[in-house]
Amino acid sequence: MAGQVRRRAAPGQASSHRERTYAYLTLLPALLIVAGFTVYPLVYSVYLSLHREILTDPLNHPFTGLTNYAQVLGSYYLVSSTLSTIIFAALAVPAVLAFGLAVALLLNQSFAGSAFLRVVILLPWAMPAVISGIVWRWIFNGDYGVLNNLLSSLGIIHQYIPWLSTPATARAGLVVAQVWREGPLAAIFLLAALQTIPRELYSAAKVDGGGGWSAFRHVTLPMLRPTLSIVLIYETIVAVVTFDLVYVMTGGGPGDATSLISWYAYTEVFKFVNLGHGAALAFLIAAALVVVILIYLRALRSEELY
């Protein structure tokens, strides 16, 4: 009897096996494509970081272990670019959050044209970063820039200012361009979160005698905390790896004022053609970002809200 049961079950088992095999074969092309564009470059980058890989000496690439990491960590340019990146991120990320929150609060109100503005606000973010950099380079140009022309017309300045030729103003210009480009995305995220807040909470706050600021502090901000955490993490990553704006607007200058760590990685690979240093630096940047994200997640736990 047991043998008959096993014989009867065998066709079903064979069919199930064929279905699983067919499913795996169907997924195989997609898995190969993903592996080709993600796994292989990652593995090859690890290989490069552990070998001497300089394009001007293509026949000499011995295994060097962690030498590339040690040389990058001991470089003056790493210290300088890290400092520039910290300054840029410390200025740009809070500015993006503040801009996004202000715009989200504005667009959350009902007024004529609000629906149109919710679409238009995304245009700076949708614009390629290189185009954004060119636009702001023209605006801040020291000879014929729009900003100088406007300030001169208003009588605020009497001679044109070379905005991108001094460290402080070059950093400020880069931050402005970053806020203009990234702020709209933060605004849309926060606007979506604002629209999920129950109106009853504001009614209850009003009944308790809370004004507009009290409702914002005790209702809006706590309910926005999870979204703010996501935007904060995302914008920090974007700020650290910003390259397009630097390349187009300042070229890392003046001096090394805007030589962010992404610019340092670019120069190692494409100017000094040292692929080993570039790969090691990329992994160090990734490790630093992971640490920063973990600190954010530790400090901005949203579970307490609920």
Protein backbone atom coordinates (compact mmCIF):
# COMPACT_ATOMS: atom_id res chain seq x y z
CA MET A 1 0.00 0.00 0.00
CA ALA A 2 2.85 2.36 0.91
CA GLY A 3 4.52 1.55 -2.41
CA GLN A 4 1.33 2.53 -4.26
CA VAL A 5 1.19 5.83 -2.35
CA ARG A 6 4.82 6.54 -3.23
CA ARG A 7 4.20 5.66 -6.87
CA ARG A 8 1.15 7.92 -6.94
CA ALA A 9 3.10 10.79 -5.35
CA ALA A 10 6.03 10.45 -7.71
CA PRO A 11 4.40 12.21 -10.69
CA GLY A 12 3.50 15.19 -8.49
CA GLN A 13 7.02 15.37 -7.10
CA ALA A 14 8.47 15.22 -10.61
CA SER A 15 6.14 18.01 -11.70
CA SER A 16 7.14 20.15 -8.70
CA HIS A 17 10.82 19.54 -9.47
CA ARG A 18 10.30 20.58 -13.08
CA GLU A 19 8.51 23.75 -11.96
CA ARG A 20 11.35 24.69 -9.64
CA THR A 21 13.91 24.01 -12.34
CA TYR A 22 11.95 26.09 -14.83
CA ALA A 23 11.68 28.95 -12.31
CA TYR A 24 15.45 28.93 -11.68
CA LEU A 25 16.21 28.81 -15.39
CA THR A 26 13.84 31.71 -15.97
CA LEU A 27 15.58 33.80 -13.30
CA LEU A 28 19.07 32.81 -14.45
CA PRO A 29 19.47 35.50 -17.17
CA ALA A 30 18.44 38.27 -14.76
CA LEU A 31 20.73 36.89 -12.05
CA LEU A 32 23.64 36.77 -14.49
CA ILE A 33 23.02 40.38 -15.52
CA VAL A 34 22.84 41.51 -11.88
CA ALA A 35 26.01 39.56 -11.07
CA GLY A 36 27.77 41.03 -14.09
CA PHE A 37 26.98 44.61 -13.13
CA THR A 38 27.26 44.35 -9.32
CA VAL A 39 29.05 41.28 -8.01
CA TYR A 40 31.86 41.20 -10.60
CA PRO A 41 32.75 44.92 -10.28
CA LEU A 42 32.73 44.59 -6.49
CA VAL A 43 35.01 41.55 -6.54
CA TYR A 44 37.30 43.17 -9.10
CA SER A 45 37.48 46.32 -6.99
CA VAL A 46 38.61 44.23 -4.05
CA TYR A 47 41.28 42.71 -6.30
CA LEU A 48 42.44 46.16 -7.43
CA SER A 49 42.63 47.46 -3.87
CA LEU A 50 44.97 44.62 -2.91
CA HIS A 51 47.32 44.97 -5.89
CA ARG A 52 49.59 47.63 -7.36
CA GLU A 53 47.54 48.76 -10.34
CA ILE A 54 48.97 51.80 -12.13
CA LEU A 55 48.04 52.22 -15.78
CA THR A 56 51.41 53.75 -16.66
CA ASP A 57 53.04 50.48 -15.53
CA PRO A 58 50.56 47.85 -16.81
CA LEU A 59 52.90 44.85 -16.63
CA ASN A 60 53.80 45.28 -12.98
CA HIS A 61 50.88 44.59 -10.65
CA PRO A 62 52.06 42.48 -7.70
CA PHE A 63 49.96 41.65 -4.68
CA THR A 64 50.52 44.35 -2.05
CA GLY A 65 47.97 43.45 0.60
CA LEU A 66 46.78 46.49 2.54
CA THR A 67 49.53 48.78 1.23
CA ASN A 68 47.10 50.80 -0.88
CA TYR A 69 44.87 51.36 2.15
CA ALA A 70 47.86 52.43 4.26
CA GLN A 71 49.13 54.83 1.60
CA VAL A 72 45.69 56.39 1.13
CA LEU A 73 45.15 56.74 4.89
CA GLY A 74 48.56 58.37 5.28
CA SER A 75 48.05 60.84 2.46
CA TYR A 76 47.75 64.57 3.10
CA TYR A 77 45.08 64.74 0.42
CA LEU A 78 42.85 62.35 2.39
CA VAL A 79 42.98 64.62 5.44
CA SER A 80 42.34 67.73 3.35
CA SER A 81 39.51 66.20 1.29
CA THR A 82 37.89 64.68 4.39
CA LEU A 83 37.89 68.07 6.10
CA SER A 84 36.40 69.72 3.00
CA THR A 85 33.75 66.98 2.80
CA ILE A 86 32.81 67.36 6.47
CA ILE A 87 32.46 71.14 6.08
CA PHE A 88 30.39 70.75 2.92
CA ALA A 89 28.12 68.07 4.42
CA ALA A 90 27.72 70.01 7.69
CA LEU A 91 26.50 73.03 5.70
CA ALA A 92 24.56 71.35 2.89
CA VAL A 93 22.63 68.62 4.71
CA PRO A 94 20.94 70.86 7.34
CA ALA A 95 20.26 73.45 4.63
CA VAL A 96 18.60 70.84 2.42
CA LEU A 97 16.48 69.60 5.33
CA ALA A 98 15.44 73.12 6.32
CA PHE A 99 14.63 74.07 2.73
CA GLY A 100 12.71 70.84 2.14
CA LEU A 101 10.71 71.21 5.35
CA ALA A 102 9.83 74.84 4.66
CA VAL A 103 8.71 74.08 1.10
CA ALA A 104 6.75 71.02 2.25
CA LEU A 105 4.91 73.06 4.88
CA LEU A 106 4.10 75.66 2.24
CA LEU A 107 2.87 73.15 -0.34
CA ASN A 108 0.80 71.37 2.30
CA GLN A 109 -1.45 74.43 2.41
CA SER A 110 -4.38 74.86 0.04
CA PHE A 111 -3.95 77.84 -2.26
CA ALA A 112 -4.31 78.62 -5.94
CA GLY A 113 -1.58 76.90 -7.94
CA SER A 114 -0.43 74.57 -5.17
CA ALA A 115 -0.96 71.48 -7.34
CA PHE A 116 1.09 73.03 -10.14
CA LEU A 117 3.90 73.98 -7.77
CA ARG A 118 4.08 70.41 -6.44
CA VAL A 119 5.04 69.31 -9.94
CA VAL A 120 7.30 72.24 -10.83
CA ILE A 121 9.27 71.93 -7.58
CA LEU A 122 10.79 68.66 -8.81
CA LEU A 123 12.33 70.19 -11.94
CA PRO A 124 15.68 71.17 -10.32
CA TRP A 125 16.07 67.64 -8.96
CA ALA A 126 15.13 66.08 -12.31
CA MET A 127 17.71 68.21 -14.11
CA PRO A 128 21.08 66.44 -14.66
CA ALA A 129 23.66 67.45 -12.08
CA VAL A 130 26.09 68.60 -14.76
CA ILE A 131 23.50 71.01 -16.17
CA SER A 132 22.78 72.28 -12.65
CA GLY A 133 26.49 72.89 -12.15
CA ILE A 134 26.77 74.81 -15.41
CA VAL A 135 23.78 76.98 -14.50
CA TRP A 136 25.22 77.88 -11.11
CA ARG A 137 28.70 78.41 -12.52
CA TRP A 138 27.21 81.03 -14.84
CA ILE A 139 25.29 82.61 -11.95
CA PHE A 140 28.42 82.86 -9.77
CA ASN A 141 30.79 83.82 -12.58
CA GLY A 142 33.05 86.64 -11.43
CA ASP A 143 33.09 88.45 -14.80
CA TYR A 144 29.59 88.22 -16.23
CA GLY A 145 27.59 86.30 -13.64
CA VAL A 146 23.91 86.98 -13.02
CA LEU A 147 24.42 87.39 -9.26
CA ASN A 148 27.07 90.08 -9.67
CA ASN A 149 24.96 91.88 -12.23
CA LEU A 150 21.91 91.82 -9.93
CA LEU A 151 23.80 93.01 -6.86
CA SER A 152 25.51 95.74 -8.87
CA SER A 153 22.17 96.91 -10.28
CA LEU A 154 20.75 97.16 -6.76
CA GLY A 155 23.78 99.13 -5.60
CA ILE A 156 24.80 96.50 -3.05
CA ILE A 157 28.25 95.99 -4.58
CA HIS A 158 30.38 98.40 -6.61
CA GLN A 159 32.69 95.86 -8.23
CA TYR A 160 32.18 92.29 -9.30
CA ILE A 161 33.05 89.60 -6.75
CA PRO A 162 34.91 86.42 -7.86
CA TRP A 163 32.56 84.10 -5.98
CA LEU A 164 34.19 80.83 -7.05
CA SER A 165 37.76 82.09 -6.62
CA THR A 166 37.84 82.43 -2.83
CA PRO A 167 37.49 79.45 -0.46
CA ALA A 168 34.57 80.70 1.66
CA THR A 169 32.38 81.91 -1.22
CA ALA A 170 33.24 78.86 -3.34
CA ARG A 171 32.06 76.56 -0.55
CA ALA A 172 28.93 78.67 -0.09
CA GLY A 173 28.20 78.58 -3.82
CA LEU A 174 28.57 74.81 -3.88
CA VAL A 175 26.18 74.51 -0.92
CA VAL A 176 23.61 76.74 -2.63
CA ALA A 177 23.77 74.62 -5.78
CA GLN A 178 23.40 71.45 -3.69
CA VAL A 179 20.36 72.83 -1.85
CA TRP A 180 18.76 73.94 -5.11
CA ARG A 181 19.25 70.49 -6.60
CA GLU A 182 18.47 68.24 -3.62
CA GLY A 183 15.96 70.37 -1.72
CA PRO A 184 12.98 69.57 -3.98
CA LEU A 185 13.31 65.82 -3.40
CA ALA A 186 13.43 66.34 0.37
CA ALA A 187 10.37 68.60 0.07
CA ILE A 188 8.37 65.96 -1.80
CA PHE A 189 9.25 63.27 0.76
CA LEU A 190 8.28 65.50 3.67
CA LEU A 191 5.13 66.69 1.91
CA ALA A 192 4.01 63.08 1.49
CA ALA A 193 4.62 62.50 5.20
CA LEU A 194 2.75 65.67 6.16
CA GLN A 195 -0.32 64.52 4.27
CA THR A 196 -0.46 61.30 6.31
CA ILE A 197 -0.69 63.10 9.68
CA PRO A 198 -4.25 62.79 11.04
CA ARG A 199 -5.98 66.15 11.29
CA GLU A 200 -7.48 65.03 14.60
CA LEU A 201 -4.08 65.48 16.24
CA TYR A 202 -4.03 69.16 15.33
CA SER A 203 -7.61 69.54 16.55
CA ALA A 204 -6.66 67.94 19.86
CA ALA A 205 -3.62 70.22 20.16
CA LYS A 206 -5.84 73.25 19.53
CA VAL A 207 -8.33 72.10 22.17
CA ASP A 208 -5.46 71.74 24.65
CA GLY A 209 -4.59 75.38 24.04
CA GLY A 210 -1.60 74.84 21.79
CA GLY A 211 -0.83 77.44 19.15
CA GLY A 212 0.75 76.97 15.74
CA TRP A 213 4.31 76.60 17.05
CA SER A 214 3.21 74.18 19.78
CA ALA A 215 1.37 72.01 17.24
CA PHE A 216 4.40 72.05 14.95
CA ARG A 217 6.74 71.09 17.79
CA HIS A 218 4.60 68.43 19.46
CA VAL A 219 2.66 67.01 16.51
CA THR A 220 4.32 67.75 13.17
CA LEU A 221 7.97 67.16 14.04
CA PRO A 222 7.42 63.89 15.97
CA MET A 223 5.26 62.49 13.16
CA LEU A 224 7.85 63.55 10.57
CA ARG A 225 10.71 61.97 12.51
CA PRO A 226 10.91 58.68 10.51
CA THR A 227 10.83 60.53 7.18
CA LEU A 228 13.32 63.11 8.40
CA SER A 229 15.64 60.26 9.37
CA ILE A 230 15.43 58.75 5.88
CA VAL A 231 16.01 62.12 4.20
CA LEU A 232 18.91 62.88 6.56
CA ILE A 233 20.65 59.58 5.77
CA TYR A 234 20.06 59.92 2.04
CA GLU A 235 21.22 63.52 1.83
CA THR A 236 24.33 62.75 3.89
CA ILE A 237 25.27 60.01 1.44
CA VAL A 238 24.62 62.33 -1.50
CA ALA A 239 26.69 65.13 0.07
CA VAL A 240 29.66 62.85 0.75
CA VAL A 241 29.74 61.42 -2.77
CA THR A 242 28.94 64.69 -4.58
CA PHE A 243 31.19 64.96 -7.59
CA ASP A 244 29.30 66.44 -10.56
CA LEU A 245 28.83 69.90 -9.07
CA VAL A 246 32.45 70.06 -7.94
CA TYR A 247 33.72 68.98 -11.34
CA VAL A 248 31.66 71.55 -13.23
CA MET A 249 31.64 74.51 -10.83
CA THR A 250 35.02 74.64 -9.07
CA GLY A 251 37.23 71.78 -10.20
CA GLY A 252 38.13 71.22 -6.55
CA GLY A 253 39.43 74.76 -6.12
CA PRO A 254 40.34 77.34 -5.17
CA GLY A 255 43.28 75.50 -3.70
CA ASP A 256 41.68 72.48 -2.08
CA ALA A 257 38.69 74.31 -0.55
CA THR A 258 36.13 72.24 -2.49
CA SER A 259 38.24 69.14 -3.07
CA LEU A 260 35.74 66.72 -1.60
CA ILE A 261 36.69 63.11 -1.02
CA SER A 262 34.89 62.10 -4.22
CA TRP A 263 37.15 64.53 -6.10
CA TYR A 264 40.18 62.94 -4.43
CA ALA A 265 39.05 59.50 -5.63
CA TYR A 266 38.57 60.90 -9.13
CA THR A 267 42.08 62.38 -9.23
CA GLU A 268 43.65 59.14 -8.00
CA VAL A 269 41.99 57.11 -10.77
CA PHE A 270 41.82 59.49 -13.73
CA LYS A 271 44.74 61.87 -13.15
CA PHE A 272 47.28 59.70 -11.35
CA VAL A 273 45.85 56.55 -13.03
CA ASN A 274 46.35 54.63 -9.79
CA LEU A 275 43.48 52.14 -9.78
CA GLY A 276 44.68 50.48 -6.58
CA HIS A 277 44.49 53.71 -4.60
CA GLY A 278 41.15 54.58 -6.16
CA ALA A 279 39.61 51.22 -5.25
CA ALA A 280 40.99 51.35 -1.70
CA LEU A 281 39.64 54.88 -1.28
CA ALA A 282 36.22 53.80 -2.54
CA PHE A 283 36.01 51.07 0.09
CA LEU A 284 37.15 53.47 2.81
CA ILE A 285 34.43 55.94 1.79
CA ALA A 286 31.83 53.16 1.85
CA ALA A 287 32.99 52.01 5.30
CA ALA A 288 32.84 55.58 6.64
CA LEU A 289 29.32 56.02 5.28
CA VAL A 290 28.19 52.78 6.91
CA VAL A 291 29.52 54.03 10.26
CA VAL A 292 27.77 57.38 9.85
CA ILE A 293 24.49 55.68 8.91
CA LEU A 294 24.69 53.40 11.94
CA ILE A 295 25.26 56.43 14.17
CA TYR A 296 22.25 58.13 12.61
CA LEU A 297 20.06 55.08 13.12
CA ARG A 298 21.23 54.80 16.71
CA ALA A 299 20.58 58.46 17.47
CA LEU A 300 17.33 58.82 15.52
CA ARG A 301 15.38 55.78 16.57
CA SER A 302 11.80 56.19 15.43
CA GLU A 303 10.38 53.22 17.35
CA GLU A 304 9.93 55.36 20.46
CA LEU A 305 7.41 57.48 18.57
CA TYR A 306 5.01 54.58 18.36
